[in-house]
Amino acid sequence: MTDFEPKVLGILCNWCSYAGADLAGVSRFQYSTNLRVLRVMCSTRVTPNILLEMFKSGVDGVFVGGCHLGDCHYITGNYYTEKRIAMAKSLMKTAGLDPERLSFYMVSASEGRRFADLVTDFVETIRKLGPSQVAADEKLRRRLNAVIDTAKAYRLRLLNGKEISLIQDGNVYDKLIDAKRLDTIIDRTLKEEFERNFILQMTRDRPLSVREMAEELDAPLDEILEQIVVLRSNNLIALDTIVGVTPKYRAIVAGGC
């Protein structure tokens, strides 16, 4: 698709990568004009749900630029950015959106040439992937909506925001959490939250049985039934009808079921 011109959003931290972009400009280093830049004080200000919303809005790729580790103006900002990008990529994969459409690069204020090269390479990667199908694919949009809601889940935001303290200082019982174990906990939490949010997405329009939900999610029946129990206990889904001996459930929305 040679005539495809990617729409790429660049999110650059004020102190390093934006300054690197500025140096590329004043040095007249040539790089792709497909990038549109949004400057933020720190790259970690952009959370996974915001990154996913950007893809929902129609961009083909998102380029996030931050400081090198150890150089962050806010000490640990870029550490959290790495973790948030990893979570966003995992959610993109869950939704069916290629994670290569999102990348995080560390660029210092003195690396104008590096910035120019990274942008050019990233835009070419997006060009090869082709245009985003979010607008054209209803199923992809529904799954993307579900992962956006998943990214907003309190449990995931808490784990992501407390990662350093949990690993270095421990939990409320002063027990240190191993980084690998914490990643396992985050992955399990992400999966559970996605299943619940996708179930709610599916059942807003029509009631579905547990089997129908399991087929759509490609998940075991008992796993989906467990999520139904959680959703019903939180008054988020309700029994709608019984067809033969099969109960069907519908999401509860404002004003009724």
Protein backbone atom coordinates (compact mmCIF):
# COMPACT_ATOMS: atom_id res chain seq x y z
CA MET A 1 0.00 0.00 0.00
CA THR A 2 2.42 2.63 -1.28
CA ASP A 3 -0.06 5.53 -1.09
CA PHE A 4 -0.81 4.98 2.60
CA GLU A 5 0.39 7.85 4.79
CA PRO A 6 0.29 6.82 8.47
CA LYS A 7 -1.23 9.07 11.10
CA VAL A 8 1.31 8.90 13.92
CA LEU A 9 1.00 10.68 17.25
CA GLY A 10 4.18 11.51 19.16
CA ILE A 11 3.99 11.96 22.93
CA LEU A 12 7.22 13.56 24.10
CA CYS A 13 8.42 14.48 27.56
CA ASN A 14 9.27 18.15 28.01
CA TRP A 15 12.76 17.68 29.42
CA CYS A 16 14.46 15.17 27.12
CA SER A 17 12.70 13.79 24.05
CA TYR A 18 10.93 17.06 23.15
CA ALA A 19 14.26 18.85 23.47
CA GLY A 20 15.80 16.13 21.28
CA ALA A 21 13.08 16.79 18.69
CA ASP A 22 13.83 20.50 18.88
CA LEU A 23 17.53 19.82 18.33
CA ALA A 24 16.66 17.67 15.30
CA GLY A 25 14.74 20.61 13.93
CA VAL A 26 17.38 23.30 14.44
CA SER A 27 20.04 20.89 13.15
CA ARG A 28 17.88 20.32 10.03
CA PHE A 29 17.93 16.56 10.38
CA GLN A 30 15.37 15.11 7.97
CA TYR A 31 12.69 12.77 9.33
CA SER A 32 9.14 11.73 8.50
CA THR A 33 6.50 14.47 8.49
CA ASN A 34 3.78 11.98 9.52
CA LEU A 35 4.46 12.65 13.22
CA ARG A 36 2.23 15.05 15.13
CA VAL A 37 3.67 15.93 18.53
CA LEU A 38 1.99 16.27 21.89
CA ARG A 39 4.31 17.60 24.61
CA VAL A 40 3.79 16.44 28.20
CA MET A 41 5.80 17.26 31.31
CA CYS A 42 6.62 13.57 31.81
CA SER A 43 5.97 10.56 29.58
CA THR A 44 4.41 8.72 32.49
CA ARG A 45 1.49 11.18 32.48
CA VAL A 46 -0.02 9.16 29.62
CA THR A 47 -1.76 6.15 31.11
CA PRO A 48 -2.67 2.90 29.27
CA ASN A 49 -6.33 3.85 28.86
CA ILE A 50 -5.34 7.20 27.28
CA LEU A 51 -2.98 5.43 24.87
CA LEU A 52 -5.76 3.04 23.89
CA GLU A 53 -8.21 5.92 23.43
CA MET A 54 -5.78 7.38 20.90
CA PHE A 55 -6.07 4.26 18.77
CA LYS A 56 -9.84 4.40 19.14
CA SER A 57 -9.73 7.97 17.78
CA GLY A 58 -8.15 6.72 14.56
CA VAL A 59 -4.36 7.10 14.77
CA ASP A 60 -2.29 4.38 13.10
CA GLY A 61 0.64 4.50 15.54
CA VAL A 62 1.77 6.13 18.79
CA PHE A 63 5.41 7.08 19.42
CA VAL A 64 6.19 7.78 23.09
CA GLY A 65 9.47 9.49 23.94
CA GLY A 66 11.00 9.82 27.40
CA CYS A 67 14.28 10.31 29.21
CA HIS A 68 16.92 7.62 29.61
CA LEU A 69 16.68 5.60 32.82
CA GLY A 70 18.42 7.52 35.57
CA ASP A 71 17.91 10.88 33.84
CA CYS A 72 14.20 11.40 34.52
CA HIS A 73 13.41 14.89 35.83
CA TYR A 74 10.90 13.23 38.18
CA ILE A 75 13.26 10.42 39.26
CA THR A 76 11.14 7.35 38.41
CA GLY A 77 8.73 8.66 35.75
CA ASN A 78 10.27 6.79 32.83
CA TYR A 79 10.40 3.57 34.86
CA TYR A 80 6.62 3.72 35.20
CA THR A 81 6.31 4.67 31.53
CA GLU A 82 8.03 1.39 30.57
CA LYS A 83 5.56 -0.55 32.70
CA ARG A 84 2.55 1.37 31.37
CA ILE A 85 3.64 0.85 27.78
CA ALA A 86 4.05 -2.88 28.48
CA MET A 87 0.54 -3.00 29.95
CA ALA A 88 -0.91 -1.05 27.02
CA LYS A 89 0.77 -3.42 24.54
CA SER A 90 -0.63 -6.42 26.39
CA LEU A 91 -4.11 -4.88 26.25
CA MET A 92 -3.68 -4.10 22.54
CA LYS A 93 -2.80 -7.75 21.88
CA THR A 94 -5.87 -8.82 23.86
CA ALA A 95 -8.04 -6.50 21.75
CA GLY A 96 -6.55 -7.78 18.49
CA LEU A 97 -4.56 -4.63 17.70
CA ASP A 98 -0.91 -5.12 16.71
CA PRO A 99 1.29 -4.02 19.68
CA GLU A 100 3.96 -2.80 17.22
CA ARG A 101 1.74 0.22 16.63
CA LEU A 102 2.90 1.53 20.02
CA SER A 103 6.54 2.10 20.98
CA PHE A 104 8.50 3.78 23.74
CA TYR A 105 11.92 5.30 23.07
CA MET A 106 14.39 6.99 25.38
CA VAL A 107 15.93 10.09 23.80
CA SER A 108 18.06 12.71 25.54
CA ALA A 109 18.07 16.44 24.76
CA SER A 110 21.41 15.99 22.92
CA GLU A 111 20.22 13.16 20.65
CA GLY A 112 18.63 15.03 17.76
CA ARG A 113 19.96 12.61 15.17
CA ARG A 114 18.75 9.61 17.18
CA PHE A 115 15.28 11.16 17.45
CA ALA A 116 15.09 11.73 13.69
CA ASP A 117 16.18 8.16 12.93
CA LEU A 118 13.76 6.62 15.44
CA VAL A 119 10.80 8.56 14.06
CA THR A 120 11.63 7.60 10.48
CA ASP A 121 12.02 3.92 11.40
CA PHE A 122 8.79 3.89 13.43
CA VAL A 123 6.75 5.52 10.67
CA GLU A 124 8.08 2.95 8.20
CA THR A 125 7.04 0.17 10.58
CA ILE A 126 3.51 1.59 10.70
CA ARG A 127 3.50 2.00 6.91
CA LYS A 128 4.26 -1.72 6.55
CA LEU A 129 1.52 -2.63 9.02
CA GLY A 130 -0.99 -0.62 7.02
CA PRO A 131 -3.86 1.56 8.23
CA SER A 132 -5.58 0.81 11.51
CA GLN A 133 -8.78 -1.21 11.10
CA VAL A 134 -10.45 0.11 14.26
CA ALA A 135 -12.97 2.24 12.38
CA ALA A 136 -13.89 -0.55 9.95
CA ASP A 137 -13.96 -3.58 12.26
CA GLU A 138 -16.89 -3.62 14.69
CA LYS A 139 -15.58 -6.60 16.66
CA LEU A 140 -12.19 -4.92 17.06
CA ARG A 141 -13.89 -1.72 18.27
CA ARG A 142 -15.90 -3.68 20.83
CA ARG A 143 -12.82 -5.45 22.13
CA LEU A 144 -10.92 -2.14 22.19
CA ASN A 145 -13.70 -0.56 24.25
CA ALA A 146 -13.43 -3.49 26.65
CA VAL A 147 -9.66 -3.12 27.07
CA ILE A 148 -10.05 0.64 27.62
CA ASP A 149 -12.46 -0.10 30.47
CA THR A 150 -10.03 -2.77 31.68
CA ALA A 151 -7.18 -0.25 31.79
CA LYS A 152 -9.33 1.97 34.02
CA ALA A 153 -9.98 -0.83 36.53
CA TYR A 154 -8.99 0.12 40.06
CA ARG A 155 -7.07 -3.10 40.69
CA LEU A 156 -4.85 -2.63 37.63
CA ARG A 157 -4.25 1.07 38.29
CA LEU A 158 -3.32 0.28 41.89
CA LEU A 159 -0.86 -2.47 40.91
CA ASN A 160 0.72 -0.32 38.21
CA GLY A 161 1.01 2.74 40.45
CA LYS A 162 2.46 0.84 43.42
CA GLU A 163 4.92 -1.34 41.51
CA ILE A 164 8.14 0.22 42.78
CA SER A 165 6.98 0.37 46.40
CA LEU A 166 5.70 -3.22 46.32
CA ILE A 167 9.03 -4.50 44.97
CA GLN A 168 11.35 -2.29 47.05
CA ASP A 169 9.36 -1.55 50.23
CA GLY A 170 6.82 -4.36 50.39
CA ASN A 171 3.06 -4.46 50.91
CA VAL A 172 1.08 -3.35 53.98
CA TYR A 173 2.49 -6.38 55.81
CA ASP A 174 6.07 -5.32 54.95
CA LYS A 175 6.41 -8.31 52.66
CA LEU A 176 8.44 -7.70 49.49
CA ILE A 177 6.81 -8.78 46.22
CA ASP A 178 9.12 -10.40 43.68
CA ALA A 179 9.00 -8.60 40.30
CA LYS A 180 8.22 -11.82 38.40
CA ARG A 181 5.42 -12.71 40.83
CA LEU A 182 4.01 -9.20 40.52
CA ASP A 183 3.98 -9.52 36.71
CA THR A 184 2.04 -12.79 37.11
CA ILE A 185 -0.48 -11.07 39.40
CA ILE A 186 -0.89 -8.19 36.92
CA ASP A 187 -1.39 -10.60 33.99
CA ARG A 188 -4.03 -12.56 35.89
CA THR A 189 -5.80 -9.37 36.98
CA LEU A 190 -5.72 -8.02 33.42
CA LYS A 191 -7.29 -11.23 32.09
CA GLU A 192 -10.06 -11.23 34.71
CA GLU A 193 -10.89 -7.55 34.20
CA PHE A 194 -10.94 -7.93 30.41
CA GLU A 195 -13.30 -10.90 30.55
CA ARG A 196 -15.69 -8.99 32.81
CA ASN A 197 -15.62 -5.85 30.70
CA PHE A 198 -16.03 -7.75 27.43
CA ILE A 199 -18.98 -9.64 28.88
CA LEU A 200 -20.57 -6.29 29.72
CA GLN A 201 -19.79 -4.99 26.21
CA MET A 202 -21.42 -8.05 24.61
CA THR A 203 -24.54 -8.08 26.76
CA ARG A 204 -25.44 -4.41 26.51
CA ASP A 205 -27.18 -4.98 23.18
CA ARG A 206 -28.61 -8.47 23.67
CA PRO A 207 -28.81 -11.15 26.35
CA LEU A 208 -26.34 -14.02 26.06
CA SER A 209 -25.87 -17.39 27.71
CA VAL A 210 -22.69 -18.41 29.48
CA ARG A 211 -21.88 -20.74 26.57
CA GLU A 212 -22.28 -17.93 24.01
CA MET A 213 -19.99 -15.68 26.05
CA ALA A 214 -17.41 -18.46 26.42
CA GLU A 215 -17.38 -19.05 22.66
CA GLU A 216 -16.89 -15.35 21.93
CA LEU A 217 -14.08 -15.11 24.48
CA ASP A 218 -12.63 -18.54 23.68
CA ALA A 219 -12.61 -19.29 27.41
CA PRO A 220 -13.73 -22.25 29.57
CA LEU A 221 -17.38 -22.27 30.70
CA ASP A 222 -16.49 -22.39 34.41
CA GLU A 223 -14.22 -19.36 34.00
CA ILE A 224 -17.03 -17.31 32.43
CA LEU A 225 -19.51 -18.52 35.04
CA GLU A 226 -17.13 -17.27 37.74
CA GLN A 227 -17.07 -13.82 36.09
CA ILE A 228 -20.88 -13.81 35.91
CA VAL A 229 -21.01 -14.46 39.67
CA VAL A 230 -18.67 -11.50 40.30
CA LEU A 231 -20.62 -9.20 37.96
CA ARG A 232 -23.97 -10.17 39.50
CA SER A 233 -22.64 -9.62 43.02
CA ASN A 234 -21.66 -6.10 41.95
CA ASN A 235 -25.06 -5.50 40.34
CA LEU A 236 -23.52 -5.07 36.87
CA ILE A 237 -25.33 -7.88 35.09
CA ALA A 238 -28.72 -9.56 35.63
CA LEU A 239 -30.72 -12.57 34.50
CA ASP A 240 -32.76 -11.48 31.47
CA THR A 241 -34.55 -14.57 30.17
CA ILE A 242 -34.48 -18.36 30.33
CA VAL A 243 -34.64 -20.11 26.97
CA GLY A 244 -35.56 -23.73 27.61
CA VAL A 245 -33.28 -24.45 30.54
CA THR A 246 -30.58 -21.94 29.51
CA PRO A 247 -30.38 -18.64 31.41
CA LYS A 248 -29.35 -15.54 29.46
CA TYR A 249 -27.86 -12.44 31.00
CA ARG A 250 -27.92 -8.75 30.09
CA ALA A 251 -25.70 -5.94 31.36
CA ILE A 252 -27.36 -3.48 33.72
CA VAL A 253 -27.17 0.06 32.35
CA ALA A 254 -28.27 3.39 33.80
CA GLY A 255 -32.05 3.48 33.94
CA GLY A 256 -32.57 -0.29 33.92
CA CYS A 257 -31.37 -3.58 32.41
